[in-house]
Amino acid sequence: GPVVLTFYRGGWCPYCNLQLRAYQRILPELAALGAQIVAISPEPP
């Protein structure tokens, strides 16, 4: 299905954490539309 791709700076960035949490809240609505979120940062696994 469609993909929502977000590049973030890292878990040390408070703005990134707020963004990731906000996107988590719409996950059920996105799933209902057949879409998923994936986030990418330069930090190790």
PDB file of all heavy atoms in Angstrom:
ATOM      1  N   GLY A   1       0.827  -1.202   0.000  1.00  0.00           N
ATOM      2  CA  GLY A   1       0.000   0.000   0.000  1.00  0.00           C
ATOM      3  C   GLY A   1       0.862   1.252   0.000  1.00  0.00           C
ATOM      4  O   GLY A   1       2.092   1.165  -0.018  1.00  0.00           O
ATOM      5  N   PRO A   2       0.225   2.427   0.040  1.00  0.00           N
ATOM      6  CA  PRO A   2       0.981   3.696   0.081  1.00  0.00           C
ATOM      7  C   PRO A   2       1.851   3.766   1.337  1.00  0.00           C
ATOM      8  O   PRO A   2       1.542   3.146   2.359  1.00  0.00           O
ATOM      9  CB  PRO A   2      -0.108   4.767   0.115  1.00  0.00           C
ATOM     10  CG  PRO A   2      -1.360   4.092  -0.318  1.00  0.00           C
ATOM     11  CD  PRO A   2      -1.231   2.652   0.050  1.00  0.00           C
ATOM     12  N   VAL A   3       2.933   4.527   1.236  1.00  0.00           N
ATOM     13  CA  VAL A   3       3.878   4.647   2.353  1.00  0.00           C
ATOM     14  C   VAL A   3       4.040   6.114   2.741  1.00  0.00           C
ATOM     15  O   VAL A   3       4.219   6.984   1.883  1.00  0.00           O
ATOM     16  CB  VAL A   3       5.254   4.045   1.973  1.00  0.00           C
ATOM     17  CG1 VAL A   3       6.319   4.401   3.018  1.00  0.00           C
ATOM     18  CG2 VAL A   3       5.146   2.526   1.829  1.00  0.00           C
ATOM     19  N   VAL A   4       3.953   6.374   4.038  1.00  0.00           N
ATOM     20  CA  VAL A   4       4.309   7.678   4.591  1.00  0.00           C
ATOM     21  C   VAL A   4       5.727   7.525   5.126  1.00  0.00           C
ATOM     22  O   VAL A   4       5.965   6.756   6.061  1.00  0.00           O
ATOM     23  CB  VAL A   4       3.351   8.094   5.724  1.00  0.00           C
ATOM     24  CG1 VAL A   4       3.783   9.429   6.326  1.00  0.00           C
ATOM     25  CG2 VAL A   4       1.917   8.146   5.213  1.00  0.00           C
ATOM     26  N   LEU A   5       6.666   8.206   4.484  1.00  0.00           N
ATOM     27  CA  LEU A   5       8.079   8.088   4.835  1.00  0.00           C
ATOM     28  C   LEU A   5       8.541   9.375   5.492  1.00  0.00           C
ATOM     29  O   LEU A   5       8.362  10.457   4.941  1.00  0.00           O
ATOM     30  CB  LEU A   5       8.896   7.829   3.559  1.00  0.00           C
ATOM     31  CG  LEU A   5      10.415   7.933   3.664  1.00  0.00           C
ATOM     32  CD1 LEU A   5      10.980   6.881   4.608  1.00  0.00           C
ATOM     33  CD2 LEU A   5      11.053   7.810   2.280  1.00  0.00           C
ATOM     34  N   THR A   6       9.103   9.253   6.674  1.00  0.00           N
ATOM     35  CA  THR A   6       9.593  10.460   7.339  1.00  0.00           C
ATOM     36  C   THR A   6      11.045  10.290   7.753  1.00  0.00           C
ATOM     37  O   THR A   6      11.423   9.260   8.320  1.00  0.00           O
ATOM     38  CB  THR A   6       8.681  10.860   8.528  1.00  0.00           C
ATOM     39  OG1 THR A   6       9.020  12.170   8.968  1.00  0.00           O
ATOM     40  CG2 THR A   6       8.772   9.909   9.697  1.00  0.00           C
ATOM     41  N   PHE A   7      11.877  11.258   7.399  1.00  0.00           N
ATOM     42  CA  PHE A   7      13.274  11.303   7.838  1.00  0.00           C
ATOM     43  C   PHE A   7      13.342  12.179   9.076  1.00  0.00           C
ATOM     44  O   PHE A   7      12.890  13.328   9.046  1.00  0.00           O
ATOM     45  CB  PHE A   7      14.166  11.925   6.752  1.00  0.00           C
ATOM     46  CG  PHE A   7      14.485  11.008   5.608  1.00  0.00           C
ATOM     47  CD1 PHE A   7      13.619  10.886   4.528  1.00  0.00           C
ATOM     48  CD2 PHE A   7      15.672  10.268   5.595  1.00  0.00           C
ATOM     49  CE1 PHE A   7      13.921  10.044   3.453  1.00  0.00           C
ATOM     50  CE2 PHE A   7      15.975   9.423   4.527  1.00  0.00           C
ATOM     51  CZ  PHE A   7      15.105   9.314   3.456  1.00  0.00           C
ATOM     52  N   TYR A   8      13.904  11.640  10.168  1.00  0.00           N
ATOM     53  CA  TYR A   8      14.066  12.452  11.377  1.00  0.00           C
ATOM     54  C   TYR A   8      15.528  12.443  11.814  1.00  0.00           C
ATOM     55  O   TYR A   8      16.319  11.614  11.375  1.00  0.00           O
ATOM     56  CB  TYR A   8      13.127  11.982  12.487  1.00  0.00           C
ATOM     57  CG  TYR A   8      13.448  10.639  13.102  1.00  0.00           C
ATOM     58  CD1 TYR A   8      14.103  10.560  14.336  1.00  0.00           C
ATOM     59  CD2 TYR A   8      13.081   9.455  12.478  1.00  0.00           C
ATOM     60  CE1 TYR A   8      14.386   9.331  14.913  1.00  0.00           C
ATOM     61  CE2 TYR A   8      13.368   8.221  13.053  1.00  0.00           C
ATOM     62  CZ  TYR A   8      14.027   8.165  14.263  1.00  0.00           C
ATOM     63  OH  TYR A   8      14.314   6.949  14.829  1.00  0.00           O
ATOM     64  N   ARG A   9      15.880  13.388  12.652  1.00  0.00           N
ATOM     65  CA  ARG A   9      17.276  13.617  13.007  1.00  0.00           C
ATOM     66  C   ARG A   9      17.819  12.592  13.995  1.00  0.00           C
ATOM     67  O   ARG A   9      18.983  12.186  13.916  1.00  0.00           O
ATOM     68  CB  ARG A   9      17.427  15.028  13.600  1.00  0.00           C
ATOM     69  CG  ARG A   9      17.192  16.119  12.578  1.00  0.00           C
ATOM     70  CD  ARG A   9      16.492  17.343  13.146  1.00  0.00           C
ATOM     71  NE  ARG A   9      17.021  17.858  14.389  1.00  0.00           N
ATOM     72  CZ  ARG A   9      17.941  18.824  14.493  1.00  0.00           C
ATOM     73  NH1 ARG A   9      18.470  19.370  13.428  1.00  0.00           N
ATOM     74  NH2 ARG A   9      18.326  19.258  15.672  1.00  0.00           N
ATOM     75  N   GLY A  10      16.968  12.161  14.920  1.00  0.00           N
ATOM     76  CA  GLY A  10      17.383  11.186  15.924  1.00  0.00           C
ATOM     77  C   GLY A  10      16.526  11.271  17.164  1.00  0.00           C
ATOM     78  O   GLY A  10      15.797  12.252  17.361  1.00  0.00           O
ATOM     79  N   GLY A  11      16.608  10.260  17.991  1.00  0.00           N
ATOM     80  CA  GLY A  11      15.835  10.223  19.226  1.00  0.00           C
ATOM     81  C   GLY A  11      16.248  11.289  20.222  1.00  0.00           C
ATOM     82  O   GLY A  11      15.536  11.552  21.189  1.00  0.00           O
ATOM     83  N   TRP A  12      17.415  11.934  19.991  1.00  0.00           N
ATOM     84  CA  TRP A  12      17.898  13.012  20.854  1.00  0.00           C
ATOM     85  C   TRP A  12      17.189  14.338  20.545  1.00  0.00           C
ATOM     86  O   TRP A  12      17.323  15.300  21.298  1.00  0.00           O
ATOM     87  CB  TRP A  12      19.411  13.207  20.668  1.00  0.00           C
ATOM     88  CG  TRP A  12      19.810  13.366  19.235  1.00  0.00           C
ATOM     89  CD1 TRP A  12      20.202  12.369  18.381  1.00  0.00           C
ATOM     90  CD2 TRP A  12      19.819  14.575  18.472  1.00  0.00           C
ATOM     91  NE1 TRP A  12      20.461  12.887  17.139  1.00  0.00           N
ATOM     92  CE2 TRP A  12      20.237  14.240  17.159  1.00  0.00           C
ATOM     93  CE3 TRP A  12      19.527  15.912  18.759  1.00  0.00           C
ATOM     94  CZ2 TRP A  12      20.350  15.188  16.149  1.00  0.00           C
ATOM     95  CZ3 TRP A  12      19.640  16.856  17.745  1.00  0.00           C
ATOM     96  CH2 TRP A  12      20.053  16.493  16.460  1.00  0.00           C
ATOM     97  N   CYS A  13      16.450  14.379  19.437  1.00  0.00           N
ATOM     98  CA  CYS A  13      15.801  15.625  18.995  1.00  0.00           C
ATOM     99  C   CYS A  13      14.363  15.667  19.512  1.00  0.00           C
ATOM    100  O   CYS A  13      13.540  14.857  19.093  1.00  0.00           O
ATOM    101  CB  CYS A  13      15.830  15.687  17.467  1.00  0.00           C
ATOM    102  SG  CYS A  13      14.802  16.994  16.772  1.00  0.00           S
ATOM    103  N   PRO A  14      14.059  16.598  20.426  1.00  0.00           N
ATOM    104  CA  PRO A  14      12.708  16.619  21.017  1.00  0.00           C
ATOM    105  C   PRO A  14      11.606  16.886  19.988  1.00  0.00           C
ATOM    106  O   PRO A  14      10.495  16.375  20.116  1.00  0.00           O
ATOM    107  CB  PRO A  14      12.776  17.738  22.056  1.00  0.00           C
ATOM    108  CG  PRO A  14      13.984  18.546  21.719  1.00  0.00           C
ATOM    109  CD  PRO A  14      14.929  17.635  21.010  1.00  0.00           C
ATOM    110  N   TYR A  15      11.913  17.658  18.952  1.00  0.00           N
ATOM    111  CA  TYR A  15      10.912  17.942  17.913  1.00  0.00           C
ATOM    112  C   TYR A  15      10.578  16.664  17.146  1.00  0.00           C
ATOM    113  O   TYR A  15       9.419  16.420  16.794  1.00  0.00           O
ATOM    114  CB  TYR A  15      11.426  19.022  16.954  1.00  0.00           C
ATOM    115  CG  TYR A  15      11.918  20.260  17.674  1.00  0.00           C
ATOM    116  CD1 TYR A  15      13.269  20.421  17.965  1.00  0.00           C
ATOM    117  CD2 TYR A  15      11.029  21.246  18.097  1.00  0.00           C
ATOM    118  CE1 TYR A  15      13.735  21.541  18.653  1.00  0.00           C
ATOM    119  CE2 TYR A  15      11.484  22.367  18.788  1.00  0.00           C
ATOM    120  CZ  TYR A  15      12.838  22.504  19.061  1.00  0.00           C
ATOM    121  OH  TYR A  15      13.285  23.601  19.745  1.00  0.00           O
ATOM    122  N   CYS A  16      11.601  15.853  16.907  1.00  0.00           N
ATOM    123  CA  CYS A  16      11.396  14.569  16.209  1.00  0.00           C
ATOM    124  C   CYS A  16      10.505  13.647  17.040  1.00  0.00           C
ATOM    125  O   CYS A  16       9.606  12.999  16.500  1.00  0.00           O
ATOM    126  CB  CYS A  16      12.730  13.888  15.949  1.00  0.00           C
ATOM    127  SG  CYS A  16      13.821  14.811  14.845  1.00  0.00           S
ATOM    128  N   ASN A  17      10.759  13.593  18.343  1.00  0.00           N
ATOM    129  CA  ASN A  17       9.950  12.721  19.191  1.00  0.00           C
ATOM    130  C   ASN A  17       8.487  13.156  19.216  1.00  0.00           C
ATOM    131  O   ASN A  17       7.578  12.319  19.167  1.00  0.00           O
ATOM    132  CB  ASN A  17      10.532  12.661  20.608  1.00  0.00           C
ATOM    133  CG  ASN A  17      11.844  11.898  20.644  1.00  0.00           C
ATOM    134  OD1 ASN A  17      11.977  10.847  20.030  1.00  0.00           O
ATOM    135  ND2 ASN A  17      12.819  12.427  21.349  1.00  0.00           N
ATOM    136  N   LEU A  18       8.257  14.465  19.268  1.00  0.00           N
ATOM    137  CA  LEU A  18       6.875  14.974  19.217  1.00  0.00           C
ATOM    138  C   LEU A  18       6.215  14.583  17.900  1.00  0.00           C
ATOM    139  O   LEU A  18       5.050  14.165  17.869  1.00  0.00           O
ATOM    140  CB  LEU A  18       6.865  16.498  19.368  1.00  0.00           C
ATOM    141  CG  LEU A  18       7.175  17.042  20.764  1.00  0.00           C
ATOM    142  CD1 LEU A  18       7.375  18.562  20.706  1.00  0.00           C
ATOM    143  CD2 LEU A  18       6.063  16.694  21.752  1.00  0.00           C
ATOM    144  N   GLN A  19       6.973  14.706  16.798  1.00  0.00           N
ATOM    145  CA  GLN A  19       6.451  14.360  15.483  1.00  0.00           C
ATOM    146  C   GLN A  19       6.126  12.867  15.398  1.00  0.00           C
ATOM    147  O   GLN A  19       5.036  12.484  14.943  1.00  0.00           O
ATOM    148  CB  GLN A  19       7.484  14.721  14.415  1.00  0.00           C
ATOM    149  CG  GLN A  19       7.061  14.339  13.005  1.00  0.00           C
ATOM    150  CD  GLN A  19       8.196  14.487  12.002  1.00  0.00           C
ATOM    151  OE1 GLN A  19       9.368  14.410  12.368  1.00  0.00           O
ATOM    152  NE2 GLN A  19       7.848  14.706  10.759  1.00  0.00           N
ATOM    153  N   LEU A  20       7.048  12.022  15.837  1.00  0.00           N
ATOM    154  CA  LEU A  20       6.839  10.571  15.767  1.00  0.00           C
ATOM    155  C   LEU A  20       5.618  10.155  16.595  1.00  0.00           C
ATOM    156  O   LEU A  20       4.818   9.327  16.161  1.00  0.00           O
ATOM    157  CB  LEU A  20       8.097   9.830  16.244  1.00  0.00           C
ATOM    158  CG  LEU A  20       9.343   9.985  15.354  1.00  0.00           C
ATOM    159  CD1 LEU A  20      10.559   9.368  16.039  1.00  0.00           C
ATOM    160  CD2 LEU A  20       9.140   9.374  13.975  1.00  0.00           C
ATOM    161  N   ARG A  21       5.468  10.756  17.777  1.00  0.00           N
ATOM    162  CA  ARG A  21       4.301  10.442  18.625  1.00  0.00           C
ATOM    163  C   ARG A  21       3.004  10.898  17.964  1.00  0.00           C
ATOM    164  O   ARG A  21       1.984  10.208  18.029  1.00  0.00           O
ATOM    165  CB  ARG A  21       4.441  11.103  20.000  1.00  0.00           C
ATOM    166  CG  ARG A  21       5.410  10.382  20.906  1.00  0.00           C
ATOM    167  CD  ARG A  21       5.114  10.646  22.364  1.00  0.00           C
ATOM    168  NE  ARG A  21       5.401  12.020  22.765  1.00  0.00           N
ATOM    169  CZ  ARG A  21       6.605  12.457  23.120  1.00  0.00           C
ATOM    170  NH1 ARG A  21       7.651  11.651  23.119  1.00  0.00           N
ATOM    171  NH2 ARG A  21       6.779  13.707  23.495  1.00  0.00           N
ATOM    172  N   ALA A  22       3.034  12.060  17.321  1.00  0.00           N
ATOM    173  CA  ALA A  22       1.837  12.573  16.633  1.00  0.00           C
ATOM    174  C   ALA A  22       1.461  11.648  15.472  1.00  0.00           C
ATOM    175  O   ALA A  22       0.276  11.403  15.223  1.00  0.00           O
ATOM    176  CB  ALA A  22       2.077  13.995  16.135  1.00  0.00           C
ATOM    177  N   TYR A  23       2.462  11.119  14.770  1.00  0.00           N
ATOM    178  CA  TYR A  23       2.192  10.218  13.646  1.00  0.00           C
ATOM    179  C   TYR A  23       1.690   8.856  14.153  1.00  0.00           C
ATOM    180  O   TYR A  23       0.862   8.218  13.524  1.00  0.00           O
ATOM    181  CB  TYR A  23       3.440  10.050  12.773  1.00  0.00           C
ATOM    182  CG  TYR A  23       3.799  11.301  11.978  1.00  0.00           C
ATOM    183  CD1 TYR A  23       3.078  12.495  12.137  1.00  0.00           C
ATOM    184  CD2 TYR A  23       4.865  11.307  11.082  1.00  0.00           C
ATOM    185  CE1 TYR A  23       3.415  13.645  11.424  1.00  0.00           C
ATOM    186  CE2 TYR A  23       5.196  12.455  10.362  1.00  0.00           C
ATOM    187  CZ  TYR A  23       4.478  13.612  10.534  1.00  0.00           C
ATOM    188  OH  TYR A  23       4.808  14.745   9.830  1.00  0.00           O
ATOM    189  N   GLN A  24       2.206   8.434  15.305  1.00  0.00           N
ATOM    190  CA  GLN A  24       1.700   7.199  15.931  1.00  0.00           C
ATOM    191  C   GLN A  24       0.188   7.305  16.176  1.00  0.00           C
ATOM    192  O   GLN A  24      -0.546   6.338  15.982  1.00  0.00           O
ATOM    193  CB  GLN A  24       2.452   6.933  17.244  1.00  0.00           C
ATOM    194  CG  GLN A  24       1.874   5.813  18.103  1.00  0.00           C
ATOM    195  CD  GLN A  24       1.919   4.460  17.445  1.00  0.00           C
ATOM    196  OE1 GLN A  24       2.827   4.163  16.680  1.00  0.00           O
ATOM    197  NE2 GLN A  24       0.930   3.621  17.724  1.00  0.00           N
ATOM    198  N   ARG A  25      -0.270   8.495  16.567  1.00  0.00           N
ATOM    199  CA  ARG A  25      -1.700   8.661  16.883  1.00  0.00           C
ATOM    200  C   ARG A  25      -2.604   8.487  15.662  1.00  0.00           C
ATOM    201  O   ARG A  25      -3.785   8.177  15.824  1.00  0.00           O
ATOM    202  CB  ARG A  25      -1.947  10.038  17.538  1.00  0.00           C
ATOM    203  CG  ARG A  25      -1.360  10.145  18.943  1.00  0.00           C
ATOM    204  CD  ARG A  25      -1.909  11.322  19.730  1.00  0.00           C
ATOM    205  NE  ARG A  25      -1.435  12.616  19.257  1.00  0.00           N
ATOM    206  CZ  ARG A  25      -0.331  13.229  19.697  1.00  0.00           C
ATOM    207  NH1 ARG A  25       0.435  12.641  20.617  1.00  0.00           N
ATOM    208  NH2 ARG A  25       0.018  14.409  19.237  1.00  0.00           N
ATOM    209  N   ILE A  26      -2.084   8.709  14.450  1.00  0.00           N
ATOM    210  CA  ILE A  26      -2.932   8.536  13.254  1.00  0.00           C
ATOM    211  C   ILE A  26      -2.733   7.165  12.599  1.00  0.00           C
ATOM    212  O   ILE A  26      -3.314   6.881  11.548  1.00  0.00           O
ATOM    213  CB  ILE A  26      -2.716   9.647  12.201  1.00  0.00           C
ATOM    214  CG1 ILE A  26      -1.267   9.673  11.693  1.00  0.00           C
ATOM    215  CG2 ILE A  26      -3.178  10.999  12.739  1.00  0.00           C
ATOM    216  CD1 ILE A  26      -1.079  10.487  10.415  1.00  0.00           C
ATOM    217  N   LEU A  27      -1.952   6.310  13.234  1.00  0.00           N
ATOM    218  CA  LEU A  27      -1.672   4.991  12.665  1.00  0.00           C
ATOM    219  C   LEU A  27      -2.939   4.183  12.368  1.00  0.00           C
ATOM    220  O   LEU A  27      -3.058   3.611  11.277  1.00  0.00           O
ATOM    221  CB  LEU A  27      -0.732   4.222  13.598  1.00  0.00           C
ATOM    222  CG  LEU A  27       0.181   3.172  12.977  1.00  0.00           C
ATOM    223  CD1 LEU A  27       1.018   3.754  11.856  1.00  0.00           C
ATOM    224  CD2 LEU A  27       1.087   2.560  14.038  1.00  0.00           C
ATOM    225  N   PRO A  28      -3.917   4.146  13.296  1.00  0.00           N
ATOM    226  CA  PRO A  28      -5.142   3.391  12.996  1.00  0.00           C
ATOM    227  C   PRO A  28      -5.877   3.920  11.760  1.00  0.00           C
ATOM    228  O   PRO A  28      -6.354   3.127  10.935  1.00  0.00           O
ATOM    229  CB  PRO A  28      -5.995   3.562  14.259  1.00  0.00           C
ATOM    230  CG  PRO A  28      -5.022   3.906  15.335  1.00  0.00           C
ATOM    231  CD  PRO A  28      -3.930   4.685  14.668  1.00  0.00           C
ATOM    232  N   GLU A  29      -5.944   5.246  11.624  1.00  0.00           N
ATOM    233  CA  GLU A  29      -6.618   5.841  10.458  1.00  0.00           C
ATOM    234  C   GLU A  29      -5.858   5.524   9.171  1.00  0.00           C
ATOM    235  O   GLU A  29      -6.466   5.230   8.135  1.00  0.00           O
ATOM    236  CB  GLU A  29      -6.736   7.358  10.628  1.00  0.00           C
ATOM    237  CG  GLU A  29      -7.714   7.783  11.718  1.00  0.00           C
ATOM    238  CD  GLU A  29      -7.553   9.248  12.074  1.00  0.00           C
ATOM    239  OE1 GLU A  29      -8.199  10.085  11.413  1.00  0.00           O
ATOM    240  OE2 GLU A  29      -6.777   9.552  12.994  1.00  0.00           O
ATOM    241  N   LEU A  30      -4.543   5.571   9.229  1.00  0.00           N
ATOM    242  CA  LEU A  30      -3.735   5.240   8.049  1.00  0.00           C
ATOM    243  C   LEU A  30      -3.898   3.768   7.683  1.00  0.00           C
ATOM    244  O   LEU A  30      -4.036   3.430   6.503  1.00  0.00           O
ATOM    245  CB  LEU A  30      -2.259   5.555   8.298  1.00  0.00           C
ATOM    246  CG  LEU A  30      -1.873   7.022   8.165  1.00  0.00           C
ATOM    247  CD1 LEU A  30      -0.445   7.225   8.648  1.00  0.00           C
ATOM    248  CD2 LEU A  30      -2.019   7.501   6.726  1.00  0.00           C
ATOM    249  N   ALA A  31      -3.895   2.901   8.697  1.00  0.00           N
ATOM    250  CA  ALA A  31      -4.065   1.464   8.451  1.00  0.00           C
ATOM    251  C   ALA A  31      -5.404   1.192   7.771  1.00  0.00           C
ATOM    252  O   ALA A  31      -5.492   0.368   6.855  1.00  0.00           O
ATOM    253  CB  ALA A  31      -3.949   0.688   9.759  1.00  0.00           C
ATOM    254  N   ALA A  32      -6.435   1.915   8.192  1.00  0.00           N
ATOM    255  CA  ALA A  32      -7.760   1.760   7.591  1.00  0.00           C
ATOM    256  C   ALA A  32      -7.752   2.179   6.122  1.00  0.00           C
ATOM    257  O   ALA A  32      -8.559   1.681   5.318  1.00  0.00           O
ATOM    258  CB  ALA A  32      -8.791   2.575   8.360  1.00  0.00           C
ATOM    259  N   LEU A  33      -6.824   3.066   5.757  1.00  0.00           N
ATOM    260  CA  LEU A  33      -6.688   3.507   4.368  1.00  0.00           C
ATOM    261  C   LEU A  33      -5.684   2.639   3.596  1.00  0.00           C
ATOM    262  O   LEU A  33      -5.373   2.919   2.435  1.00  0.00           O
ATOM    263  CB  LEU A  33      -6.227   4.974   4.321  1.00  0.00           C
ATOM    264  CG  LEU A  33      -7.200   6.013   4.874  1.00  0.00           C
ATOM    265  CD1 LEU A  33      -6.509   7.361   5.037  1.00  0.00           C
ATOM    266  CD2 LEU A  33      -8.409   6.149   3.968  1.00  0.00           C
ATOM    267  N   GLY A  34      -5.149   1.611   4.268  1.00  0.00           N
ATOM    268  CA  GLY A  34      -4.217   0.703   3.612  1.00  0.00           C
ATOM    269  C   GLY A  34      -2.796   1.211   3.538  1.00  0.00           C
ATOM    270  O   GLY A  34      -1.955   0.670   2.811  1.00  0.00           O
ATOM    271  N   ALA A  35      -2.496   2.279   4.291  1.00  0.00           N
ATOM    272  CA  ALA A  35      -1.165   2.889   4.245  1.00  0.00           C
ATOM    273  C   ALA A  35      -0.384   2.572   5.514  1.00  0.00           C
ATOM    274  O   ALA A  35      -0.961   2.221   6.539  1.00  0.00           O
ATOM    275  CB  ALA A  35      -1.284   4.397   4.068  1.00  0.00           C
ATOM    276  N   GLN A  36       0.938   2.717   5.424  1.00  0.00           N
ATOM    277  CA  GLN A  36       1.776   2.546   6.615  1.00  0.00           C
ATOM    278  C   GLN A  36       2.831   3.638   6.689  1.00  0.00           C
ATOM    279  O   GLN A  36       3.143   4.289   5.691  1.00  0.00           O
ATOM    280  CB  GLN A  36       2.409   1.167   6.644  1.00  0.00           C
ATOM    281  CG  GLN A  36       3.218   0.802   5.426  1.00  0.00           C
ATOM    282  CD  GLN A  36       3.675  -0.655   5.469  1.00  0.00           C
ATOM    283  OE1 GLN A  36       4.082  -1.147   6.521  1.00  0.00           O
ATOM    284  NE2 GLN A  36       3.611  -1.339   4.345  1.00  0.00           N
ATOM    285  N   ILE A  37       3.337   3.820   7.915  1.00  0.00           N
ATOM    286  CA  ILE A  37       4.380   4.820   8.164  1.00  0.00           C
ATOM    287  C   ILE A  37       5.706   4.099   8.330  1.00  0.00           C
ATOM    288  O   ILE A  37       5.764   3.012   8.918  1.00  0.00           O
ATOM    289  CB  ILE A  37       4.114   5.605   9.463  1.00  0.00           C
ATOM    290  CG1 ILE A  37       2.741   6.280   9.443  1.00  0.00           C
ATOM    291  CG2 ILE A  37       5.207   6.648   9.716  1.00  0.00           C
ATOM    292  CD1 ILE A  37       2.408   7.016  10.729  1.00  0.00           C
ATOM    293  N   VAL A  38       6.777   4.703   7.828  1.00  0.00           N
ATOM    294  CA  VAL A  38       8.120   4.238   8.126  1.00  0.00           C
ATOM    295  C   VAL A  38       8.985   5.472   8.381  1.00  0.00           C
ATOM    296  O   VAL A  38       8.876   6.476   7.687  1.00  0.00           O
ATOM    297  CB  VAL A  38       8.680   3.336   6.993  1.00  0.00           C
ATOM    298  CG1 VAL A  38       8.763   4.079   5.688  1.00  0.00           C
ATOM    299  CG2 VAL A  38      10.027   2.775   7.357  1.00  0.00           C
ATOM    300  N   ALA A  39       9.796   5.404   9.448  1.00  0.00           N
ATOM    301  CA  ALA A  39      10.643   6.532   9.819  1.00  0.00           C
ATOM    302  C   ALA A  39      12.108   6.126   9.682  1.00  0.00           C
ATOM    303  O   ALA A  39      12.465   4.981   9.968  1.00  0.00           O
ATOM    304  CB  ALA A  39      10.344   6.971  11.254  1.00  0.00           C
ATOM    305  N   ILE A  40      12.945   7.067   9.237  1.00  0.00           N
ATOM    306  CA  ILE A  40      14.370   6.796   9.016  1.00  0.00           C
ATOM    307  C   ILE A  40      15.208   7.839   9.750  1.00  0.00           C
ATOM    308  O   ILE A  40      14.939   9.034   9.644  1.00  0.00           O
ATOM    309  CB  ILE A  40      14.708   6.863   7.508  1.00  0.00           C
ATOM    310  CG1 ILE A  40      13.981   5.759   6.739  1.00  0.00           C
ATOM    311  CG2 ILE A  40      16.221   6.765   7.279  1.00  0.00           C
ATOM    312  CD1 ILE A  40      14.235   5.799   5.222  1.00  0.00           C
ATOM    313  N   SER A  41      16.225   7.377  10.491  1.00  0.00           N
ATOM    314  CA  SER A  41      17.182   8.302  11.103  1.00  0.00           C
ATOM    315  C   SER A  41      18.595   7.778  10.887  1.00  0.00           C
ATOM    316  O   SER A  41      18.784   6.613  10.536  1.00  0.00           O
ATOM    317  CB  SER A  41      16.909   8.457  12.598  1.00  0.00           C
ATOM    318  OG  SER A  41      17.644   7.493  13.342  1.00  0.00           O
ATOM    319  N   PRO A  42      19.609   8.638  11.110  1.00  0.00           N
ATOM    320  CA  PRO A  42      20.993   8.179  10.955  1.00  0.00           C
ATOM    321  C   PRO A  42      21.510   7.371  12.141  1.00  0.00           C
ATOM    322  O   PRO A  42      22.670   6.972  12.155  1.00  0.00           O
ATOM    323  CB  PRO A  42      21.794   9.479  10.804  1.00  0.00           C
ATOM    324  CG  PRO A  42      20.917  10.586  11.258  1.00  0.00           C
ATOM    325  CD  PRO A  42      19.522  10.077  11.389  1.00  0.00           C
ATOM    326  N   GLU A  43      20.673   7.120  13.128  1.00  0.00           N
ATOM    327  CA  GLU A  43      21.126   6.431  14.337  1.00  0.00           C
ATOM    328  C   GLU A  43      21.118   4.913  14.147  1.00  0.00           C
ATOM    329  O   GLU A  43      20.365   4.388  13.338  1.00  0.00           O
ATOM    330  CB  GLU A  43      20.230   6.816  15.514  1.00  0.00           C
ATOM    331  CG  GLU A  43      20.322   8.304  15.820  1.00  0.00           C
ATOM    332  CD  GLU A  43      19.713   8.678  17.154  1.00  0.00           C
ATOM    333  OE1 GLU A  43      18.523   8.404  17.372  1.00  0.00           O
ATOM    334  OE2 GLU A  43      20.433   9.262  17.970  1.00  0.00           O
ATOM    335  N   PRO A  44      21.954   4.195  14.900  1.00  0.00           N
ATOM    336  CA  PRO A  44      22.008   2.739  14.760  1.00  0.00           C
ATOM    337  C   PRO A  44      20.738   2.059  15.281  1.00  0.00           C
ATOM    338  O   PRO A  44      19.984   2.662  16.044  1.00  0.00           O
ATOM    339  CB  PRO A  44      23.238   2.343  15.595  1.00  0.00           C
ATOM    340  CG  PRO A  44      23.445   3.462  16.550  1.00  0.00           C
ATOM    341  CD  PRO A  44      22.926   4.707  15.883  1.00  0.00           C
ATOM    342  N   PRO A  45      20.517   0.786  14.883  1.00  0.00           N
ATOM    343  CA  PRO A  45      19.277   0.088  15.268  1.00  0.00           C
ATOM    344  C   PRO A  45      19.001   0.066  16.765  1.00  0.00           C
ATOM    345  O   PRO A  45      17.847   0.220  17.166  1.00  0.00           O
ATOM    346  CB  PRO A  45      19.505  -1.328  14.730  1.00  0.00           C
ATOM    347  CG  PRO A  45      20.364  -1.126  13.532  1.00  0.00           C
ATOM    348  CD  PRO A  45      21.300   0.000  13.910  1.00  0.00           C
TER     349      PRO A  45
END
